[in-house]
């Protein structure tokens, strides 16, 4: 990405190119893997993001998938909370590594 300042012909000739580079550490964010909903049970103990068909998102640690329900521990700044959600409502699953 480069910026050039071309206000006058003389300034345009003397314009310097400024290049911005992203550090390698910033490019390597947490690895996210999308998996099929039917495979969710294989990721117990992992951090997950679940998106429902109505667009609601849940992020937490997957405890288990049992009897058509997903059990999550939601992590927050003030503590944690356990919840369950019907597996049939889950549209998309992201596993965070």
Protein backbone atom coordinates (compact mmCIF):
# COMPACT_ATOMS: atom_id res chain seq x y z
CA UNK A 1 0.00 0.00 0.00
CA UNK A 2 1.49 3.35 -0.96
CA UNK A 3 0.53 7.01 -0.57
CA UNK A 4 1.74 9.66 -2.97
CA UNK A 5 1.35 13.40 -2.49
CA UNK A 6 0.89 15.13 -5.83
CA UNK A 7 -0.13 18.69 -4.91
CA UNK A 8 2.28 20.40 -7.34
CA UNK A 9 4.49 19.05 -10.13
CA UNK A 10 7.65 19.85 -8.14
CA UNK A 11 6.25 18.16 -5.03
CA UNK A 12 5.08 15.23 -7.13
CA UNK A 13 8.61 14.68 -8.40
CA UNK A 14 9.95 14.78 -4.85
CA UNK A 15 7.11 12.77 -3.35
CA UNK A 16 8.13 9.90 -1.21
CA UNK A 17 6.34 6.62 -1.12
CA UNK A 18 5.22 5.50 2.32
CA UNK A 19 4.84 1.75 2.66
CA UNK A 20 2.93 0.20 5.50
CA UNK A 21 3.73 -3.34 6.54
CA UNK A 22 1.78 -5.50 8.91
CA UNK A 23 3.92 -7.31 11.48
CA UNK A 24 3.85 -11.09 11.19
CA UNK A 25 2.47 -11.36 14.73
CA UNK A 26 -0.63 -9.34 13.80
CA UNK A 27 -1.33 -11.53 10.77
CA UNK A 28 -1.27 -14.73 12.83
CA UNK A 29 -4.53 -14.35 14.74
CA UNK A 30 -6.14 -17.22 16.58
CA UNK A 31 -6.67 -20.11 14.18
CA UNK A 32 -10.34 -20.63 13.36
CA UNK A 33 -11.63 -23.84 11.82
CA UNK A 34 -15.17 -24.29 10.53
CA UNK A 35 -16.65 -27.73 11.13
CA UNK A 36 -19.94 -29.42 10.30
CA UNK A 37 -22.57 -29.25 13.03
CA UNK A 38 -22.78 -33.06 13.13
CA UNK A 39 -19.07 -33.19 14.11
CA UNK A 40 -19.45 -30.79 17.05
CA UNK A 41 -19.33 -33.59 19.64
CA UNK A 42 -15.73 -34.36 18.67
CA UNK A 43 -14.56 -31.00 20.04
CA UNK A 44 -15.51 -31.24 23.73
CA UNK A 45 -13.19 -29.07 25.82
CA UNK A 46 -12.39 -26.70 22.94
CA UNK A 47 -13.30 -23.03 22.58
CA UNK A 48 -16.13 -22.69 20.07
CA UNK A 49 -18.36 -20.09 18.46
CA UNK A 50 -21.87 -21.21 17.57
CA UNK A 51 -24.12 -19.25 15.23
CA UNK A 52 -27.82 -20.11 15.22
CA UNK A 53 -30.18 -19.95 12.25
CA UNK A 54 -31.60 -16.66 13.60
CA UNK A 55 -28.11 -15.10 13.74
CA UNK A 56 -27.54 -15.29 17.49
CA UNK A 57 -23.93 -16.09 18.41
CA UNK A 58 -22.59 -17.95 21.43
CA UNK A 59 -18.92 -18.26 22.34
CA UNK A 60 -17.52 -20.46 25.06
CA UNK A 61 -16.03 -23.83 25.95
CA UNK A 62 -17.91 -26.83 24.60
CA UNK A 63 -18.66 -29.25 27.41
CA UNK A 64 -20.59 -31.92 25.53
CA UNK A 65 -23.24 -32.73 22.95
CA UNK A 66 -25.89 -35.05 24.37
CA UNK A 67 -29.51 -35.92 23.53
CA UNK A 68 -29.72 -33.32 20.77
CA UNK A 69 -28.45 -30.51 23.00
CA UNK A 70 -25.16 -28.58 23.07
CA UNK A 71 -23.75 -27.72 26.49
CA UNK A 72 -21.47 -24.68 26.72
CA UNK A 73 -19.64 -22.78 29.43
CA UNK A 74 -19.77 -19.09 28.55
CA UNK A 75 -16.76 -17.13 29.74
CA UNK A 76 -17.05 -13.48 30.74
CA UNK A 77 -15.07 -10.85 32.59
CA UNK A 78 -17.08 -11.39 35.77
CA UNK A 79 -17.11 -15.18 35.70
CA UNK A 80 -18.69 -18.00 33.74
CA UNK A 81 -22.15 -19.42 33.09
CA UNK A 82 -23.33 -22.79 31.84
CA UNK A 83 -25.99 -23.03 29.16
CA UNK A 84 -27.54 -25.50 26.76
CA UNK A 85 -28.89 -25.03 23.27
CA UNK A 86 -30.81 -27.34 20.97
CA UNK A 87 -28.44 -28.77 18.38
CA UNK A 88 -31.10 -28.30 15.69
CA UNK A 89 -30.84 -24.50 16.17
CA UNK A 90 -27.09 -24.42 15.39
CA UNK A 91 -26.30 -23.24 11.87
CA UNK A 92 -22.54 -22.72 11.92
CA UNK A 93 -19.69 -23.94 14.14
CA UNK A 94 -16.26 -22.36 14.50
CA UNK A 95 -13.52 -24.02 16.54
CA UNK A 96 -10.96 -21.60 18.00
CA UNK A 97 -7.41 -22.83 18.49
